[in-house]
C-alpha atoms as a PDB file:
ATOM      1  CA  PRO A   1     -14.262  94.674 213.138  1.00  0.00           C
ATOM      2  CA  GLY A   2     -14.470  96.613 216.095  1.00  0.00           C
ATOM      3  CA  THR A   3     -15.348 100.522 215.962  1.00  0.00           C
ATOM      4  CA  LYS A   4     -13.886 101.097 219.747  1.00  0.00           C
ATOM      5  CA  ASN A   5     -10.393  99.851 218.846  1.00  0.00           C
ATOM      6  CA  THR A   6      -9.611 101.589 215.477  1.00  0.00           C
ATOM      7  CA  LYS A   7      -6.116 103.303 215.989  1.00  0.00           C
ATOM      8  CA  PRO A   8      -4.461 100.443 217.626  1.00  0.00           C
ATOM      9  CA  ASP A   9      -6.034  97.936 214.837  1.00  0.00           C
ATOM     10  CA  ALA A  10      -4.769 100.227 212.204  1.00  0.00           C
ATOM     11  CA  LEU A  11      -1.257 100.260 213.822  1.00  0.00           C
ATOM     12  CA  SER A  12      -0.933  96.731 214.183  1.00  0.00           C
ATOM     13  CA  ARG A  13      -1.655  96.114 210.663  1.00  0.00           C
ATOM     14  CA  LEU A  14       1.245  98.676 209.826  1.00  0.00           C
ATOM     15  CA  TYR A  15       3.720  96.215 211.249  1.00  0.00           C
ATOM     16  CA  ALA A  16       5.534  94.252 208.902  1.00  0.00           C
ATOM     17  CA  PRO A  17       8.548  92.244 210.256  1.00  0.00           C
ATOM     18  CA  ASP A  18       9.779  91.303 206.607  1.00  0.00           C
ATOM     19  CA  LYS A  19      10.492  94.995 205.848  1.00  0.00           C
ATOM     20  CA  GLU A  20      13.869  96.641 206.754  1.00  0.00           C
ATOM     21  CA  VAL A  21      13.781  99.753 208.691  1.00  0.00           C
ATOM     22  CA  GLU A  22      16.325 102.376 207.365  1.00  0.00           C
ATOM     23  CA  PRO A  23      18.196 104.712 210.202  1.00  0.00           C
ATOM     24  CA  THR A  24      17.034 108.214 209.515  1.00  0.00           C
ATOM     25  CA  THR A  25      19.575 111.046 210.246  1.00  0.00           C
ATOM     26  CA  ILE A  26      18.939 112.810 213.390  1.00  0.00           C
ATOM     27  CA  LEU A  27      20.366 116.170 211.821  1.00  0.00           C
ATOM     28  CA  SER A  28      19.607 117.647 208.550  1.00  0.00           C
ATOM     29  CA  PRO A  29      22.627 118.195 206.291  1.00  0.00           C
ATOM     30  CA  SER A  30      22.004 122.021 206.483  1.00  0.00           C
ATOM     31  CA  CYS A  31      22.401 122.003 210.334  1.00  0.00           C
ATOM     32  CA  VAL A  32      25.667 120.287 210.016  1.00  0.00           C
ATOM     33  CA  VAL A  33      26.693 122.890 207.473  1.00  0.00           C
ATOM     34  CA  GLY A  34      25.588 125.705 209.424  1.00  0.00           C
ATOM     35  CA  ALA A  35      27.538 124.381 212.585  1.00  0.00           C
ATOM     36  CA  ILE A  36      30.560 124.013 210.123  1.00  0.00           C
ATOM     37  CA  THR A  37      30.314 127.259 208.854  1.00  0.00           C
ATOM     38  CA  TRP A  38      29.775 128.942 212.475  1.00  0.00           C
ATOM     39  CA  ASP A  39      32.953 127.166 213.516  1.00  0.00           C
ATOM     40  CA  ILE A  40      34.864 128.427 210.601  1.00  0.00           C
ATOM     41  CA  THR A  41      33.551 131.997 210.796  1.00  0.00           C
ATOM     42  CA  THR A  42      34.576 132.272 214.649  1.00  0.00           C
ATOM     43  CA  LYS A  43      38.045 130.741 214.138  1.00  0.00           C
ATOM     44  CA  THR A  44      38.639 133.168 211.164  1.00  0.00           C
ATOM     45  CA  ALA A  45      37.266 136.035 213.000  1.00  0.00           C
ATOM     46  CA  ASP A  46      39.492 135.507 216.226  1.00  0.00           C
ATOM     47  CA  ARG A  47      42.527 134.941 213.807  1.00  0.00           C
ATOM     48  CA  ASN A  48      41.922 138.241 212.284  1.00  0.00           C
ATOM     49  CA  ARG A  49      41.463 139.902 215.489  1.00  0.00           C
ATOM     50  CA  ARG A  50      44.695 138.510 216.781  1.00  0.00           C
ATOM     51  CA  LEU A  51      46.583 139.424 213.593  1.00  0.00           C
ATOM     52  CA  ALA A  52      45.320 143.229 213.798  1.00  0.00           C
ATOM     53  CA  ASP A  53      45.827 143.502 217.534  1.00  0.00           C
ATOM     54  CA  ARG A  54      49.669 142.933 216.979  1.00  0.00           C
ATOM     55  CA  HIS A  55      49.961 146.380 215.299  1.00  0.00           C
ATOM     56  CA  ARG A  56      47.725 148.145 217.838  1.00  0.00           C
ATOM     57  CA  ARG A  57      49.070 149.882 220.659  1.00  0.00           C
ATOM     58  CA  PRO A  58      47.141 151.187 223.880  1.00  0.00           C
ATOM     59  CA  ALA A  59      46.259 155.046 223.943  1.00  0.00           C
ATOM     60  CA  PRO A  60      48.491 157.039 225.713  1.00  0.00           C
ATOM     61  CA  ALA A  61      47.240 158.274 229.170  1.00  0.00           C
ATOM     62  CA  TYR A  62      47.027 162.083 229.301  1.00  0.00           C
ATOM     63  CA  ALA A  63      46.781 164.406 232.262  1.00  0.00           C
ATOM     64  CA  PRO A  64      45.113 167.649 232.751  1.00  0.00           C
ATOM     65  CA  GLY A  65      47.753 170.417 232.495  1.00  0.00           C
ATOM     66  CA  GLN A  66      50.016 168.393 230.299  1.00  0.00           C
ATOM     67  CA  GLN A  67      51.253 169.822 227.178  1.00  0.00           C
ATOM     68  CA  VAL A  68      50.596 168.178 223.780  1.00  0.00           C
ATOM     69  CA  TRP A  69      51.008 168.813 220.043  1.00  0.00           C
ATOM     70  CA  LEU A  70      47.874 168.965 218.020  1.00  0.00           C
ATOM     71  CA  SER A  71      47.710 167.476 214.400  1.00  0.00           C
ATOM     72  CA  THR A  72      47.034 169.505 211.587  1.00  0.00           C
ATOM     73  CA  ARG A  73      45.265 166.735 209.549  1.00  0.00           C
ATOM     74  CA  ASP A  74      41.791 167.998 209.489  1.00  0.00           C
ATOM     75  CA  ILE A  75      42.470 171.780 210.477  1.00  0.00           C
ATOM     76  CA  LYS A  76      42.586 174.206 207.595  1.00  0.00           C
ATOM     77  CA  LEU A  77      45.465 176.678 208.022  1.00  0.00           C
ATOM     78  CA  LYS A  78      46.241 179.874 206.003  1.00  0.00           C
ATOM     79  CA  ALA A  79      49.038 178.489 203.970  1.00  0.00           C
ATOM     80  CA  ALA A  80      49.603 178.815 200.030  1.00  0.00           C
ATOM     81  CA  ASN A  81      49.444 175.140 199.796  1.00  0.00           C
ATOM     82  CA  LYS A  82      48.556 171.902 202.050  1.00  0.00           C
ATOM     83  CA  LYS A  83      52.204 170.909 201.257  1.00  0.00           C
ATOM     84  CA  PHE A  84      53.658 173.515 203.260  1.00  0.00           C
ATOM     85  CA  TYR A  85      51.378 173.237 206.259  1.00  0.00           C
ATOM     86  CA  PRO A  86      53.310 172.062 209.505  1.00  0.00           C
ATOM     87  CA  ARG A  87      52.032 168.516 210.595  1.00  0.00           C
ATOM     88  CA  PHE A  88      51.639 169.669 214.128  1.00  0.00           C
ATOM     89  CA  ILE A  89      50.900 172.960 215.745  1.00  0.00           C
ATOM     90  CA  GLY A  90      50.945 173.984 219.581  1.00  0.00           C
ATOM     91  CA  PRO A  91      51.821 172.971 222.213  1.00  0.00           C
ATOM     92  CA  TYR A  92      48.383 173.308 223.769  1.00  0.00           C
ATOM     93  CA  THR A  93      47.469 172.466 227.210  1.00  0.00           C
ATOM     94  CA  ILE A  94      45.004 169.687 228.178  1.00  0.00           C
ATOM     95  CA  ALA A  95      42.213 171.086 229.810  1.00  0.00           C
ATOM     96  CA  GLU A  96      40.279 168.175 230.755  1.00  0.00           C
ATOM     97  CA  VAL A  97      40.499 164.151 229.899  1.00  0.00           C
ATOM     98  CA  LEU A  98      37.157 163.420 228.966  1.00  0.00           C
ATOM     99  CA  SER A  99      37.710 159.825 228.341  1.00  0.00           C
ATOM    100  CA  PRO A 100      40.716 157.626 227.764  1.00  0.00           C
ATOM    101  CA  VAL A 101      40.497 158.336 224.221  1.00  0.00           C
ATOM    102  CA  SER A 102      39.522 161.931 224.005  1.00  0.00           C
ATOM    103  CA  VAL A 103      40.923 165.204 225.518  1.00  0.00           C
ATOM    104  CA  ARG A 104      39.736 168.800 225.666  1.00  0.00           C
ATOM    105  CA  LEU A 105      42.638 171.356 224.851  1.00  0.00           C
ATOM    106  CA  SER A 106      42.760 174.911 225.754  1.00  0.00           C
ATOM    107  CA  LEU A 107      42.929 176.710 222.446  1.00  0.00           C
ATOM    108  CA  PRO A 108      43.218 180.211 221.411  1.00  0.00           C
ATOM    109  CA  SER A 109      39.691 181.869 220.575  1.00  0.00           C
ATOM    110  CA  SER A 110      41.089 182.920 217.022  1.00  0.00           C
ATOM    111  CA  MET A 111      41.340 179.239 215.959  1.00  0.00           C
ATOM    112  CA  ARG A 112      37.499 178.851 215.967  1.00  0.00           C
ATOM    113  CA  ILE A 113      37.397 174.832 216.088  1.00  0.00           C
ATOM    114  CA  HIS A 114      35.876 172.434 218.697  1.00  0.00           C
ATOM    115  CA  PRO A 115      38.322 171.850 221.283  1.00  0.00           C
ATOM    116  CA  VAL A 116      37.622 168.072 221.879  1.00  0.00           C
ATOM    117  CA  PHE A 117      40.015 165.829 219.905  1.00  0.00           C
ATOM    118  CA  HIS A 118      40.902 161.949 219.928  1.00  0.00           C
ATOM    119  CA  VAL A 119      44.326 160.834 221.395  1.00  0.00           C
ATOM    120  CA  SER A 120      45.268 159.912 217.919  1.00  0.00           C
ATOM    121  CA  LEU A 121      45.353 163.575 216.964  1.00  0.00           C
ATOM    122  CA  VAL A 122      47.656 164.733 219.752  1.00  0.00           C
ATOM    123  CA  LYS A 123      51.089 163.742 220.691  1.00  0.00           C
ATOM    124  CA  PRO A 124      53.078 164.649 224.075  1.00  0.00           C
ATOM    125  CA  PHE A 125      55.180 167.583 223.789  1.00  0.00           C
ATOM    126  CA  VAL A 126      58.658 166.995 224.978  1.00  0.00           C
ATOM    127  CA  SER A 127      60.869 170.014 225.482  1.00  0.00           C
ATOM    128  CA  SER A 128      64.297 170.083 223.884  1.00  0.00           C
ATOM    129  CA  PRO A 129      67.240 169.339 226.425  1.00  0.00           C
ATOM    130  CA  VAL A 130      69.474 171.819 223.910  1.00  0.00           C
ATOM    131  CA  PRO A 131      69.092 175.390 224.821  1.00  0.00           C
ATOM    132  CA  SER A 132      67.810 177.497 222.207  1.00  0.00           C
ATOM    133  CA  TYR A 133      69.628 181.091 221.281  1.00  0.00           C
END
């Protein structure tokens, strides 16, 4: 038998018409499981984001010159006990709005703290319509 036609001869001998050919899967099971897992993970993340965003509100817009109260949550004050700290001190004036979520306040030098705060630590000062005596 011929030496020039080795590969086609070998291939022709492999053909067996009586042998049934079983279909093979195109995708492996791990690919299918990975796709399903990805889909479930993205749906869960979207749902969690939607549920969390229901409780959020946009940051208030502050302007330079506006008066605000400053939270004492992270500020050490001279008091007998933290229980007796005021929750907010001030009012202080906003010197500069650095970004939509951070402001620089005009603080007295005696406070000796960094003057840039997140908007969650300040709240607008509203003057009372009731006159004080």
